[in-house]
Amino acid sequence: MPVVETGGIKFEVDGEGYLVNIQDWNEQVACGIAEREGLDELTKERMDIINFLRKYYMEFHAFPILRGVCRDIHKPKECVKDEFVDPIKAWKIAGLPNPGVIATKAGDKEHKIFRFLVPD
């Protein structure tokens, strides 16, 4: 698996750029992943979303409903799309597991999981 170095720290990502070890995440790692994803800056608004995604995942081991993210951080209902365009980028920058792996573990619930993250 590829090792990424940013700002003097190294972390491992999978073939799609997702952080391999969730405990390796910190804001510097987030900045490195964001740069790989084509985002030049992690604003306070983006970090609010990222921190909420991490907190939610750590508690529920699932994707939150996107509008719920925005409501809980007191932002407009489309805040994730407005800040990241693709919610998967926010998930990746938050250092959370590859959603394909989560969907595989969930078996038949794959479509249900992705429905909340990426609407039809």
PDB file of N, CA and C in Angstrom:
ATOM      1  N   MET A   1       0.838  -1.180   0.000  1.00  0.00           N
ATOM      2  CA  MET A   1       0.000   0.000   0.000  1.00  0.00           C
ATOM      3  C   MET A   1       0.884   1.245   0.000  1.00  0.00           C
ATOM      4  N   PRO A   2       0.433   2.286  -0.686  1.00  0.00           N
ATOM      5  CA  PRO A   2       1.256   3.501  -0.782  1.00  0.00           C
ATOM      6  C   PRO A   2       1.429   4.204   0.566  1.00  0.00           C
ATOM      7  N   VAL A   3       2.607   4.753   0.759  1.00  0.00           N
ATOM      8  CA  VAL A   3       2.894   5.583   1.923  1.00  0.00           C
ATOM      9  C   VAL A   3       2.985   7.017   1.427  1.00  0.00           C
ATOM     10  N   VAL A   4       2.258   7.896   2.089  1.00  0.00           N
ATOM     11  CA  VAL A   4       2.230   9.312   1.724  1.00  0.00           C
ATOM     12  C   VAL A   4       3.012  10.071   2.787  1.00  0.00           C
ATOM     13  N   GLU A   5       3.791  11.034   2.361  1.00  0.00           N
ATOM     14  CA  GLU A   5       4.519  11.884   3.307  1.00  0.00           C
ATOM     15  C   GLU A   5       4.082  13.323   3.092  1.00  0.00           C
ATOM     16  N   THR A   6       3.714  13.970   4.183  1.00  0.00           N
ATOM     17  CA  THR A   6       3.327  15.374   4.128  1.00  0.00           C
ATOM     18  C   THR A   6       3.765  16.049   5.419  1.00  0.00           C
ATOM     19  N   GLY A   7       4.411  17.170   5.283  1.00  0.00           N
ATOM     20  CA  GLY A   7       4.843  17.931   6.452  1.00  0.00           C
ATOM     21  C   GLY A   7       5.691  17.132   7.424  1.00  0.00           C
ATOM     22  N   GLY A   8       6.474  16.191   6.908  1.00  0.00           N
ATOM     23  CA  GLY A   8       7.352  15.416   7.776  1.00  0.00           C
ATOM     24  C   GLY A   8       6.706  14.204   8.425  1.00  0.00           C
ATOM     25  N   ILE A   9       5.425  13.950   8.189  1.00  0.00           N
ATOM     26  CA  ILE A   9       4.802  12.746   8.732  1.00  0.00           C
ATOM     27  C   ILE A   9       4.427  11.818   7.585  1.00  0.00           C
ATOM     28  N   LYS A  10       4.414  10.528   7.891  1.00  0.00           N
ATOM     29  CA  LYS A  10       4.080   9.520   6.892  1.00  0.00           C
ATOM     30  C   LYS A  10       2.826   8.781   7.332  1.00  0.00           C
ATOM     31  N   PHE A  11       1.999   8.426   6.346  1.00  0.00           N
ATOM     32  CA  PHE A  11       0.822   7.609   6.625  1.00  0.00           C
ATOM     33  C   PHE A  11       0.522   6.744   5.423  1.00  0.00           C
ATOM     34  N   GLU A  12      -0.123   5.636   5.676  1.00  0.00           N
ATOM     35  CA  GLU A  12      -0.403   4.663   4.632  1.00  0.00           C
ATOM     36  C   GLU A  12      -1.837   4.822   4.129  1.00  0.00           C
ATOM     37  N   VAL A  13      -2.008   4.762   2.812  1.00  0.00           N
ATOM     38  CA  VAL A  13      -3.329   4.816   2.193  1.00  0.00           C
ATOM     39  C   VAL A  13      -3.518   3.567   1.342  1.00  0.00           C
ATOM     40  N   ASP A  14      -4.789   3.238   1.077  1.00  0.00           N
ATOM     41  CA  ASP A  14      -5.047   2.102   0.196  1.00  0.00           C
ATOM     42  C   ASP A  14      -4.936   2.547  -1.260  1.00  0.00           C
ATOM     43  N   GLY A  15      -5.238   1.675  -2.179  1.00  0.00           N
ATOM     44  CA  GLY A  15      -5.112   1.971  -3.598  1.00  0.00           C
ATOM     45  C   GLY A  15      -6.002   3.097  -4.085  1.00  0.00           C
ATOM     46  N   GLU A  16      -7.056   3.417  -3.332  1.00  0.00           N
ATOM     47  CA  GLU A  16      -7.959   4.499  -3.709  1.00  0.00           C
ATOM     48  C   GLU A  16      -7.703   5.784  -2.917  1.00  0.00           C
ATOM     49  N   GLY A  17      -6.674   5.767  -2.062  1.00  0.00           N
ATOM     50  CA  GLY A  17      -6.299   6.961  -1.313  1.00  0.00           C
ATOM     51  C   GLY A  17      -6.945   7.104   0.048  1.00  0.00           C
ATOM     52  N   TYR A  18      -7.620   6.052   0.536  1.00  0.00           N
ATOM     53  CA  TYR A  18      -8.225   6.099   1.870  1.00  0.00           C
ATOM     54  C   TYR A  18      -7.188   5.732   2.914  1.00  0.00           C
ATOM     55  N   LEU A  19      -7.209   6.429   4.035  1.00  0.00           N
ATOM     56  CA  LEU A  19      -6.286   6.165   5.135  1.00  0.00           C
ATOM     57  C   LEU A  19      -6.479   4.728   5.617  1.00  0.00           C
ATOM     58  N   VAL A  20      -5.392   3.998   5.752  1.00  0.00           N
ATOM     59  CA  VAL A  20      -5.464   2.596   6.154  1.00  0.00           C
ATOM     60  C   VAL A  20      -5.741   2.465   7.645  1.00  0.00           C
ATOM     61  N   ASN A  21      -5.069   3.245   8.468  1.00  0.00           N
ATOM     62  CA  ASN A  21      -5.225   3.159   9.921  1.00  0.00           C
ATOM     63  C   ASN A  21      -5.916   4.424  10.427  1.00  0.00           C
ATOM     64  N   ILE A  22      -7.150   4.293  10.846  1.00  0.00           N
ATOM     65  CA  ILE A  22      -7.951   5.440  11.272  1.00  0.00           C
ATOM     66  C   ILE A  22      -7.279   6.213  12.415  1.00  0.00           C
ATOM     67  N   GLN A  23      -6.464   5.536  13.228  1.00  0.00           N
ATOM     68  CA  GLN A  23      -5.778   6.199  14.341  1.00  0.00           C
ATOM     69  C   GLN A  23      -4.619   7.080  13.881  1.00  0.00           C
ATOM     70  N   ASP A  24      -4.200   6.953  12.646  1.00  0.00           N
ATOM     71  CA  ASP A  24      -3.121   7.797  12.122  1.00  0.00           C
ATOM     72  C   ASP A  24      -3.594   9.207  11.788  1.00  0.00           C
ATOM     73  N   TRP A  25      -4.905   9.437  11.823  1.00  0.00           N
ATOM     74  CA  TRP A  25      -5.467  10.712  11.362  1.00  0.00           C
ATOM     75  C   TRP A  25      -5.191  11.851  12.344  1.00  0.00           C
ATOM     76  N   ASN A  26      -4.856  12.987  11.790  1.00  0.00           N
ATOM     77  CA  ASN A  26      -4.827  14.252  12.508  1.00  0.00           C
ATOM     78  C   ASN A  26      -5.027  15.340  11.448  1.00  0.00           C
ATOM     79  N   GLU A  27      -5.052  16.591  11.836  1.00  0.00           N
ATOM     80  CA  GLU A  27      -5.320  17.651  10.860  1.00  0.00           C
ATOM     81  C   GLU A  27      -4.240  17.738   9.787  1.00  0.00           C
ATOM     82  N   GLN A  28      -3.021  17.420  10.138  1.00  0.00           N
ATOM     83  CA  GLN A  28      -1.942  17.447   9.144  1.00  0.00           C
ATOM     84  C   GLN A  28      -2.158  16.336   8.100  1.00  0.00           C
ATOM     85  N   VAL A  29      -2.578  15.168   8.543  1.00  0.00           N
ATOM     86  CA  VAL A  29      -2.900  14.077   7.623  1.00  0.00           C
ATOM     87  C   VAL A  29      -4.073  14.498   6.748  1.00  0.00           C
ATOM     88  N   ALA A  30      -5.080  15.115   7.349  1.00  0.00           N
ATOM     89  CA  ALA A  30      -6.243  15.594   6.587  1.00  0.00           C
ATOM     90  C   ALA A  30      -5.795  16.554   5.486  1.00  0.00           C
ATOM     91  N   CYS A  31      -4.885  17.437   5.807  1.00  0.00           N
ATOM     92  CA  CYS A  31      -4.379  18.379   4.799  1.00  0.00           C
ATOM     93  C   CYS A  31      -3.668  17.646   3.670  1.00  0.00           C
ATOM     94  N   GLY A  32      -2.895  16.616   4.006  1.00  0.00           N
ATOM     95  CA  GLY A  32      -2.210  15.833   2.987  1.00  0.00           C
ATOM     96  C   GLY A  32      -3.187  15.101   2.074  1.00  0.00           C
ATOM     97  N   ILE A  33      -4.228  14.520   2.649  1.00  0.00           N
ATOM     98  CA  ILE A  33      -5.235  13.824   1.843  1.00  0.00           C
ATOM     99  C   ILE A  33      -5.991  14.839   0.996  1.00  0.00           C
ATOM    100  N   ALA A  34      -6.335  15.975   1.586  1.00  0.00           N
ATOM    101  CA  ALA A  34      -7.058  17.013   0.842  1.00  0.00           C
ATOM    102  C   ALA A  34      -6.253  17.476  -0.363  1.00  0.00           C
ATOM    103  N   GLU A  35      -4.965  17.649  -0.177  1.00  0.00           N
ATOM    104  CA  GLU A  35      -4.104  18.068  -1.286  1.00  0.00           C
ATOM    105  C   GLU A  35      -4.124  17.018  -2.398  1.00  0.00           C
ATOM    106  N   ARG A  36      -4.058  15.745  -2.026  1.00  0.00           N
ATOM    107  CA  ARG A  36      -4.130  14.655  -3.019  1.00  0.00           C
ATOM    108  C   ARG A  36      -5.475  14.650  -3.743  1.00  0.00           C
ATOM    109  N   GLU A  37      -6.514  15.154  -3.076  1.00  0.00           N
ATOM    110  CA  GLU A  37      -7.863  15.190  -3.648  1.00  0.00           C
ATOM    111  C   GLU A  37      -8.146  16.491  -4.399  1.00  0.00           C
ATOM    112  N   GLY A  38      -7.160  17.366  -4.471  1.00  0.00           N
ATOM    113  CA  GLY A  38      -7.314  18.588  -5.244  1.00  0.00           C
ATOM    114  C   GLY A  38      -7.915  19.760  -4.489  1.00  0.00           C
ATOM    115  N   LEU A  39      -7.983  19.666  -3.173  1.00  0.00           N
ATOM    116  CA  LEU A  39      -8.454  20.795  -2.360  1.00  0.00           C
ATOM    117  C   LEU A  39      -7.240  21.521  -1.799  1.00  0.00           C
ATOM    118  N   ASP A  40      -7.178  22.805  -2.036  1.00  0.00           N
ATOM    119  CA  ASP A  40      -6.003  23.546  -1.600  1.00  0.00           C
ATOM    120  C   ASP A  40      -6.081  24.029  -0.156  1.00  0.00           C
ATOM    121  N   GLU A  41      -7.271  24.053   0.413  1.00  0.00           N
ATOM    122  CA  GLU A  41      -7.396  24.588   1.772  1.00  0.00           C
ATOM    123  C   GLU A  41      -8.508  23.870   2.529  1.00  0.00           C
ATOM    124  N   LEU A  42      -8.230  23.563   3.790  1.00  0.00           N
ATOM    125  CA  LEU A  42      -9.267  23.042   4.670  1.00  0.00           C
ATOM    126  C   LEU A  42      -9.712  24.188   5.573  1.00  0.00           C
ATOM    127  N   THR A  43     -10.770  24.832   5.145  1.00  0.00           N
ATOM    128  CA  THR A  43     -11.317  25.958   5.891  1.00  0.00           C
ATOM    129  C   THR A  43     -11.960  25.477   7.189  1.00  0.00           C
ATOM    130  N   LYS A  44     -12.316  26.407   8.041  1.00  0.00           N
ATOM    131  CA  LYS A  44     -13.013  26.059   9.275  1.00  0.00           C
ATOM    132  C   LYS A  44     -14.302  25.312   8.957  1.00  0.00           C
ATOM    133  N   GLU A  45     -15.027  25.750   7.940  1.00  0.00           N
ATOM    134  CA  GLU A  45     -16.282  25.103   7.564  1.00  0.00           C
ATOM    135  C   GLU A  45     -16.035  23.660   7.140  1.00  0.00           C
ATOM    136  N   ARG A  46     -15.004  23.437   6.360  1.00  0.00           N
ATOM    137  CA  ARG A  46     -14.678  22.076   5.925  1.00  0.00           C
ATOM    138  C   ARG A  46     -14.245  21.221   7.110  1.00  0.00           C
ATOM    139  N   MET A  47     -13.448  21.776   7.994  1.00  0.00           N
ATOM    140  CA  MET A  47     -13.006  21.025   9.170  1.00  0.00           C
ATOM    141  C   MET A  47     -14.176  20.695  10.096  1.00  0.00           C
ATOM    142  N   ASP A  48     -15.155  21.578  10.193  1.00  0.00           N
ATOM    143  CA  ASP A  48     -16.354  21.282  10.988  1.00  0.00           C
ATOM    144  C   ASP A  48     -17.050  20.033  10.449  1.00  0.00           C
ATOM    145  N   ILE A  49     -17.174  19.956   9.127  1.00  0.00           N
ATOM    146  CA  ILE A  49     -17.806  18.793   8.489  1.00  0.00           C
ATOM    147  C   ILE A  49     -16.967  17.540   8.716  1.00  0.00           C
ATOM    148  N   ILE A  50     -15.678  17.646   8.490  1.00  0.00           N
ATOM    149  CA  ILE A  50     -14.781  16.507   8.658  1.00  0.00           C
ATOM    150  C   ILE A  50     -14.814  15.990  10.091  1.00  0.00           C
ATOM    151  N   ASN A  51     -14.738  16.890  11.053  1.00  0.00           N
ATOM    152  CA  ASN A  51     -14.769  16.474  12.459  1.00  0.00           C
ATOM    153  C   ASN A  51     -16.097  15.826  12.829  1.00  0.00           C
ATOM    154  N   PHE A  52     -17.196  16.337  12.274  1.00  0.00           N
ATOM    155  CA  PHE A  52     -18.492  15.718  12.543  1.00  0.00           C
ATOM    156  C   PHE A  52     -18.535  14.307  11.951  1.00  0.00           C
ATOM    157  N   LEU A  53     -18.052  14.142  10.709  1.00  0.00           N
ATOM    158  CA  LEU A  53     -18.049  12.809  10.091  1.00  0.00           C
ATOM    159  C   LEU A  53     -17.257  11.824  10.935  1.00  0.00           C
ATOM    160  N   ARG A  54     -16.110  12.243  11.431  1.00  0.00           N
ATOM    161  CA  ARG A  54     -15.291  11.363  12.271  1.00  0.00           C
ATOM    162  C   ARG A  54     -16.015  11.004  13.562  1.00  0.00           C
ATOM    163  N   LYS A  55     -16.572  11.996  14.202  1.00  0.00           N
ATOM    164  CA  LYS A  55     -17.281  11.750  15.465  1.00  0.00           C
ATOM    165  C   LYS A  55     -18.455  10.789  15.244  1.00  0.00           C
ATOM    166  N   TYR A  56     -19.213  11.033  14.198  1.00  0.00           N
ATOM    167  CA  TYR A  56     -20.367  10.189  13.905  1.00  0.00           C
ATOM    168  C   TYR A  56     -19.919   8.755  13.605  1.00  0.00           C
ATOM    169  N   TYR A  57     -18.897   8.608  12.773  1.00  0.00           N
ATOM    170  CA  TYR A  57     -18.422   7.272  12.436  1.00  0.00           C
ATOM    171  C   TYR A  57     -17.914   6.542  13.680  1.00  0.00           C
ATOM    172  N   MET A  58     -17.170   7.218  14.523  1.00  0.00           N
ATOM    173  CA  MET A  58     -16.628   6.589  15.726  1.00  0.00           C
ATOM    174  C   MET A  58     -17.749   6.094  16.645  1.00  0.00           C
ATOM    175  N   GLU A  59     -18.856   6.803  16.669  1.00  0.00           N
ATOM    176  CA  GLU A  59     -19.973   6.406  17.533  1.00  0.00           C
ATOM    177  C   GLU A  59     -20.853   5.338  16.897  1.00  0.00           C
ATOM    178  N   PHE A  60     -21.156   5.479  15.597  1.00  0.00           N
ATOM    179  CA  PHE A  60     -22.155   4.609  14.962  1.00  0.00           C
ATOM    180  C   PHE A  60     -21.592   3.654  13.902  1.00  0.00           C
ATOM    181  N   HIS A  61     -20.333   3.814  13.502  1.00  0.00           N
ATOM    182  CA  HIS A  61     -19.718   2.995  12.446  1.00  0.00           C
ATOM    183  C   HIS A  61     -20.568   2.980  11.180  1.00  0.00           C
ATOM    184  N   ALA A  62     -21.026   4.158  10.801  1.00  0.00           N
ATOM    185  CA  ALA A  62     -21.895   4.301   9.629  1.00  0.00           C
ATOM    186  C   ALA A  62     -21.778   5.714   9.079  1.00  0.00           C
ATOM    187  N   PHE A  63     -22.334   5.898   7.881  1.00  0.00           N
ATOM    188  CA  PHE A  63     -22.417   7.218   7.267  1.00  0.00           C
ATOM    189  C   PHE A  63     -23.582   7.980   7.880  1.00  0.00           C
ATOM    190  N   PRO A  64     -23.412   9.255   8.158  1.00  0.00           N
ATOM    191  CA  PRO A  64     -24.562  10.058   8.594  1.00  0.00           C
ATOM    192  C   PRO A  64     -25.380  10.510   7.387  1.00  0.00           C
ATOM    193  N   ILE A  65     -26.607  10.856   7.625  1.00  0.00           N
ATOM    194  CA  ILE A  65     -27.422  11.481   6.585  1.00  0.00           C
ATOM    195  C   ILE A  65     -26.828  12.872   6.373  1.00  0.00           C
ATOM    196  N   LEU A  66     -26.550  13.217   5.134  1.00  0.00           N
ATOM    197  CA  LEU A  66     -25.822  14.462   4.851  1.00  0.00           C
ATOM    198  C   LEU A  66     -26.527  15.694   5.395  1.00  0.00           C
ATOM    199  N   ARG A  67     -27.819  15.777   5.242  1.00  0.00           N
ATOM    200  CA  ARG A  67     -28.517  16.956   5.770  1.00  0.00           C
ATOM    201  C   ARG A  67     -28.419  17.028   7.283  1.00  0.00           C
ATOM    202  N   GLY A  68     -28.319  15.857   7.913  1.00  0.00           N
ATOM    203  CA  GLY A  68     -28.142  15.820   9.360  1.00  0.00           C
ATOM    204  C   GLY A  68     -26.799  16.393   9.773  1.00  0.00           C
ATOM    205  N   VAL A  69     -25.771  16.140   8.964  1.00  0.00           N
ATOM    206  CA  VAL A  69     -24.442  16.706   9.231  1.00  0.00           C
ATOM    207  C   VAL A  69     -24.564  18.222   9.278  1.00  0.00           C
ATOM    208  N   CYS A  70     -25.167  18.773   8.242  1.00  0.00           N
ATOM    209  CA  CYS A  70     -25.278  20.225   8.127  1.00  0.00           C
ATOM    210  C   CYS A  70     -26.121  20.810   9.257  1.00  0.00           C
ATOM    211  N   ARG A  71     -27.201  20.126   9.586  1.00  0.00           N
ATOM    212  CA  ARG A  71     -28.053  20.599  10.677  1.00  0.00           C
ATOM    213  C   ARG A  71     -27.275  20.604  11.997  1.00  0.00           C
ATOM    214  N   ASP A  72     -26.538  19.524  12.245  1.00  0.00           N
ATOM    215  CA  ASP A  72     -25.831  19.400  13.515  1.00  0.00           C
ATOM    216  C   ASP A  72     -24.679  20.382  13.671  1.00  0.00           C
ATOM    217  N   ILE A  73     -24.120  20.853  12.563  1.00  0.00           N
ATOM    218  CA  ILE A  73     -23.050  21.855  12.675  1.00  0.00           C
ATOM    219  C   ILE A  73     -23.564  23.258  12.351  1.00  0.00           C
ATOM    220  N   HIS A  74     -24.892  23.379  12.276  1.00  0.00           N
ATOM    221  CA  HIS A  74     -25.568  24.672  12.090  1.00  0.00           C
ATOM    222  C   HIS A  74     -25.178  25.367  10.790  1.00  0.00           C
ATOM    223  N   LYS A  75     -25.237  24.591   9.691  1.00  0.00           N
ATOM    224  CA  LYS A  75     -24.929  25.115   8.357  1.00  0.00           C
ATOM    225  C   LYS A  75     -26.112  24.845   7.441  1.00  0.00           C
ATOM    226  N   PRO A  76     -26.174  25.491   6.260  1.00  0.00           N
ATOM    227  CA  PRO A  76     -27.247  25.223   5.295  1.00  0.00           C
ATOM    228  C   PRO A  76     -27.291  23.744   4.919  1.00  0.00           C
ATOM    229  N   LYS A  77     -28.474  23.249   4.537  1.00  0.00           N
ATOM    230  CA  LYS A  77     -28.688  21.813   4.336  1.00  0.00           C
ATOM    231  C   LYS A  77     -27.828  21.172   3.247  1.00  0.00           C
ATOM    232  N   GLU A  78     -27.241  21.917   2.385  1.00  0.00           N
ATOM    233  CA  GLU A  78     -26.373  21.379   1.334  1.00  0.00           C
ATOM    234  C   GLU A  78     -24.894  21.658   1.616  1.00  0.00           C
ATOM    235  N   CYS A  79     -24.547  21.867   2.875  1.00  0.00           N
ATOM    236  CA  CYS A  79     -23.188  22.299   3.207  1.00  0.00           C
ATOM    237  C   CYS A  79     -22.105  21.330   2.750  1.00  0.00           C
ATOM    238  N   VAL A  80     -22.345  20.042   2.831  1.00  0.00           N
ATOM    239  CA  VAL A  80     -21.308  19.085   2.444  1.00  0.00           C
ATOM    240  C   VAL A  80     -21.029  19.203   0.950  1.00  0.00           C
ATOM    241  N   LYS A  81     -22.075  19.245   0.154  1.00  0.00           N
ATOM    242  CA  LYS A  81     -21.889  19.385  -1.297  1.00  0.00           C
ATOM    243  C   LYS A  81     -21.281  20.739  -1.641  1.00  0.00           C
ATOM    244  N   ASP A  82     -21.698  21.779  -0.930  1.00  0.00           N
ATOM    245  CA  ASP A  82     -21.154  23.114  -1.199  1.00  0.00           C
ATOM    246  C   ASP A  82     -19.652  23.187  -0.900  1.00  0.00           C
ATOM    247  N   GLU A  83     -19.215  22.538   0.155  1.00  0.00           N
ATOM    248  CA  GLU A  83     -17.810  22.621   0.571  1.00  0.00           C
ATOM    249  C   GLU A  83     -16.902  21.621  -0.146  1.00  0.00           C
ATOM    250  N   PHE A  84     -17.435  20.449  -0.500  1.00  0.00           N
ATOM    251  CA  PHE A  84     -16.592  19.389  -1.052  1.00  0.00           C
ATOM    252  C   PHE A  84     -17.008  18.924  -2.444  1.00  0.00           C
ATOM    253  N   VAL A  85     -18.132  19.336  -2.944  1.00  0.00           N
ATOM    254  CA  VAL A  85     -18.734  18.890  -4.206  1.00  0.00           C
ATOM    255  C   VAL A  85     -19.117  17.411  -4.102  1.00  0.00           C
ATOM    256  N   ASP A  86     -18.169  16.553  -3.787  1.00  0.00           N
ATOM    257  CA  ASP A  86     -18.404  15.125  -3.660  1.00  0.00           C
ATOM    258  C   ASP A  86     -18.260  14.724  -2.189  1.00  0.00           C
ATOM    259  N   PRO A  87     -19.334  14.254  -1.559  1.00  0.00           N
ATOM    260  CA  PRO A  87     -19.253  13.872  -0.141  1.00  0.00           C
ATOM    261  C   PRO A  87     -18.213  12.792   0.141  1.00  0.00           C
ATOM    262  N   ILE A  88     -17.904  11.975  -0.852  1.00  0.00           N
ATOM    263  CA  ILE A  88     -16.884  10.945  -0.663  1.00  0.00           C
ATOM    264  C   ILE A  88     -15.528  11.586  -0.361  1.00  0.00           C
ATOM    265  N   LYS A  89     -15.247  12.747  -0.944  1.00  0.00           N
ATOM    266  CA  LYS A  89     -13.993  13.451  -0.643  1.00  0.00           C
ATOM    267  C   LYS A  89     -13.924  13.816   0.838  1.00  0.00           C
ATOM    268  N   ALA A  90     -15.026  14.314   1.367  1.00  0.00           N
ATOM    269  CA  ALA A  90     -15.053  14.680   2.784  1.00  0.00           C
ATOM    270  C   ALA A  90     -14.784  13.451   3.647  1.00  0.00           C
ATOM    271  N   TRP A  91     -15.407  12.339   3.279  1.00  0.00           N
ATOM    272  CA  TRP A  91     -15.233  11.080   4.009  1.00  0.00           C
ATOM    273  C   TRP A  91     -13.768  10.643   3.975  1.00  0.00           C
ATOM    274  N   LYS A  92     -13.168  10.732   2.802  1.00  0.00           N
ATOM    275  CA  LYS A  92     -11.774  10.322   2.631  1.00  0.00           C
ATOM    276  C   LYS A  92     -10.847  11.231   3.437  1.00  0.00           C
ATOM    277  N   ILE A  93     -11.062  12.530   3.363  1.00  0.00           N
ATOM    278  CA  ILE A  93     -10.223  13.490   4.088  1.00  0.00           C
ATOM    279  C   ILE A  93     -10.382  13.314   5.599  1.00  0.00           C
ATOM    280  N   ALA A  94     -11.548  12.867   6.023  1.00  0.00           N
ATOM    281  CA  ALA A  94     -11.788  12.609   7.449  1.00  0.00           C
ATOM    282  C   ALA A  94     -11.026  11.369   7.927  1.00  0.00           C
ATOM    283  N   GLY A  95     -10.370  10.674   6.998  1.00  0.00           N
ATOM    284  CA  GLY A  95      -9.563   9.515   7.378  1.00  0.00           C
ATOM    285  C   GLY A  95     -10.381   8.284   7.694  1.00  0.00           C
ATOM    286  N   LEU A  96     -11.599   8.227   7.164  1.00  0.00           N
ATOM    287  CA  LEU A  96     -12.490   7.112   7.467  1.00  0.00           C
ATOM    288  C   LEU A  96     -12.322   5.994   6.442  1.00  0.00           C
ATOM    289  N   PRO A  97     -12.759   4.781   6.789  1.00  0.00           N
ATOM    290  CA  PRO A  97     -12.516   3.622   5.919  1.00  0.00           C
ATOM    291  C   PRO A  97     -13.139   3.756   4.538  1.00  0.00           C
ATOM    292  N   ASN A  98     -12.536   3.078   3.596  1.00  0.00           N
ATOM    293  CA  ASN A  98     -13.053   3.027   2.240  1.00  0.00           C
ATOM    294  C   ASN A  98     -14.505   2.548   2.290  1.00  0.00           C
ATOM    295  N   PRO A  99     -15.450   3.337   1.780  1.00  0.00           N
ATOM    296  CA  PRO A  99     -16.861   2.954   1.866  1.00  0.00           C
ATOM    297  C   PRO A  99     -17.176   1.666   1.127  1.00  0.00           C
ATOM    298  N   GLY A 100     -16.359   1.287   0.154  1.00  0.00           N
ATOM    299  CA  GLY A 100     -16.555   0.002  -0.517  1.00  0.00           C
ATOM    300  C   GLY A 100     -16.350  -1.146   0.448  1.00  0.00           C
ATOM    301  N   VAL A 101     -15.396  -0.994   1.360  1.00  0.00           N
ATOM    302  CA  VAL A 101     -15.132  -2.016   2.369  1.00  0.00           C
ATOM    303  C   VAL A 101     -16.304  -2.074   3.344  1.00  0.00           C
ATOM    304  N   ILE A 102     -16.807  -0.931   3.749  1.00  0.00           N
ATOM    305  CA  ILE A 102     -17.944  -0.897   4.671  1.00  0.00           C
ATOM    306  C   ILE A 102     -19.156  -1.536   4.014  1.00  0.00           C
ATOM    307  N   ALA A 103     -19.412  -1.182   2.756  1.00  0.00           N
ATOM    308  CA  ALA A 103     -20.571  -1.726   2.048  1.00  0.00           C
ATOM    309  C   ALA A 103     -20.447  -3.236   1.905  1.00  0.00           C
ATOM    310  N   THR A 104     -19.242  -3.725   1.654  1.00  0.00           N
ATOM    311  CA  THR A 104     -19.035  -5.163   1.526  1.00  0.00           C
ATOM    312  C   THR A 104     -19.348  -5.853   2.840  1.00  0.00           C
ATOM    313  N   LYS A 105     -18.920  -5.279   3.944  1.00  0.00           N
ATOM    314  CA  LYS A 105     -19.194  -5.860   5.252  1.00  0.00           C
ATOM    315  C   LYS A 105     -20.682  -5.828   5.573  1.00  0.00           C
ATOM    316  N   ALA A 106     -21.384  -4.848   5.037  1.00  0.00           N
ATOM    317  CA  ALA A 106     -22.807  -4.710   5.329  1.00  0.00           C
ATOM    318  C   ALA A 106     -23.660  -5.658   4.490  1.00  0.00           C
ATOM    319  N   GLY A 107     -23.053  -6.304   3.493  1.00  0.00           N
ATOM    320  CA  GLY A 107     -23.782  -7.272   2.693  1.00  0.00           C
ATOM    321  C   GLY A 107     -24.921  -6.655   1.911  1.00  0.00           C
ATOM    322  N   ASP A 108     -26.122  -7.122   2.155  1.00  0.00           N
ATOM    323  CA  ASP A 108     -27.290  -6.692   1.391  1.00  0.00           C
ATOM    324  C   ASP A 108     -27.665  -5.243   1.632  1.00  0.00           C
ATOM    325  N   LYS A 109     -27.116  -4.608   2.619  1.00  0.00           N
ATOM    326  CA  LYS A 109     -27.477  -3.233   2.946  1.00  0.00           C
ATOM    327  C   LYS A 109     -26.635  -2.217   2.182  1.00  0.00           C
ATOM    328  N   GLU A 110     -25.873  -2.673   1.219  1.00  0.00           N
ATOM    329  CA  GLU A 110     -24.958  -1.786   0.480  1.00  0.00           C
ATOM    330  C   GLU A 110     -25.676  -0.562  -0.064  1.00  0.00           C
ATOM    331  N   HIS A 111     -26.788  -0.752  -0.730  1.00  0.00           N
ATOM    332  CA  HIS A 111     -27.488   0.378  -1.343  1.00  0.00           C
ATOM    333  C   HIS A 111     -28.038   1.331  -0.288  1.00  0.00           C
ATOM    334  N   LYS A 112     -28.454   0.799   0.831  1.00  0.00           N
ATOM    335  CA  LYS A 112     -28.975   1.635   1.902  1.00  0.00           C
ATOM    336  C   LYS A 112     -27.887   2.561   2.440  1.00  0.00           C
ATOM    337  N   ILE A 113     -26.692   2.055   2.639  1.00  0.00           N
ATOM    338  CA  ILE A 113     -25.582   2.858   3.139  1.00  0.00           C
ATOM    339  C   ILE A 113     -25.262   3.987   2.169  1.00  0.00           C
ATOM    340  N   PHE A 114     -25.102   3.641   0.895  1.00  0.00           N
ATOM    341  CA  PHE A 114     -24.728   4.645  -0.096  1.00  0.00           C
ATOM    342  C   PHE A 114     -25.842   5.624  -0.376  1.00  0.00           C
ATOM    343  N   ARG A 115     -27.091   5.253  -0.173  1.00  0.00           N
ATOM    344  CA  ARG A 115     -28.202   6.158  -0.416  1.00  0.00           C
ATOM    345  C   ARG A 115     -28.053   7.424   0.425  1.00  0.00           C
ATOM    346  N   PHE A 116     -27.567   7.281   1.651  1.00  0.00           N
ATOM    347  CA  PHE A 116     -27.442   8.447   2.521  1.00  0.00           C
ATOM    348  C   PHE A 116     -26.253   9.308   2.135  1.00  0.00           C
ATOM    349  N   LEU A 117     -25.199   8.702   1.624  1.00  0.00           N
ATOM    350  CA  LEU A 117     -24.016   9.456   1.298  1.00  0.00           C
ATOM    351  C   LEU A 117     -24.119  10.104  -0.077  1.00  0.00           C
ATOM    352  N   VAL A 118     -24.619   9.350  -1.035  1.00  0.00           N
ATOM    353  CA  VAL A 118     -24.730   9.868  -2.399  1.00  0.00           C
ATOM    354  C   VAL A 118     -26.146   9.603  -2.890  1.00  0.00           C
ATOM    355  N   PRO A 119     -27.036  10.592  -2.824  1.00  0.00           N
ATOM    356  CA  PRO A 119     -28.421  10.384  -3.236  1.00  0.00           C
ATOM    357  C   PRO A 119     -28.509   9.949  -4.696  1.00  0.00           C
ATOM    358  N   ASP A 120     -29.572   9.158  -4.999  1.00  0.00           N
ATOM    359  CA  ASP A 120     -29.806   8.692  -6.373  1.00  0.00           C
ATOM    360  C   ASP A 120     -30.026   9.849  -7.319  1.00  0.00           C
TER     361      ASP A 120
END
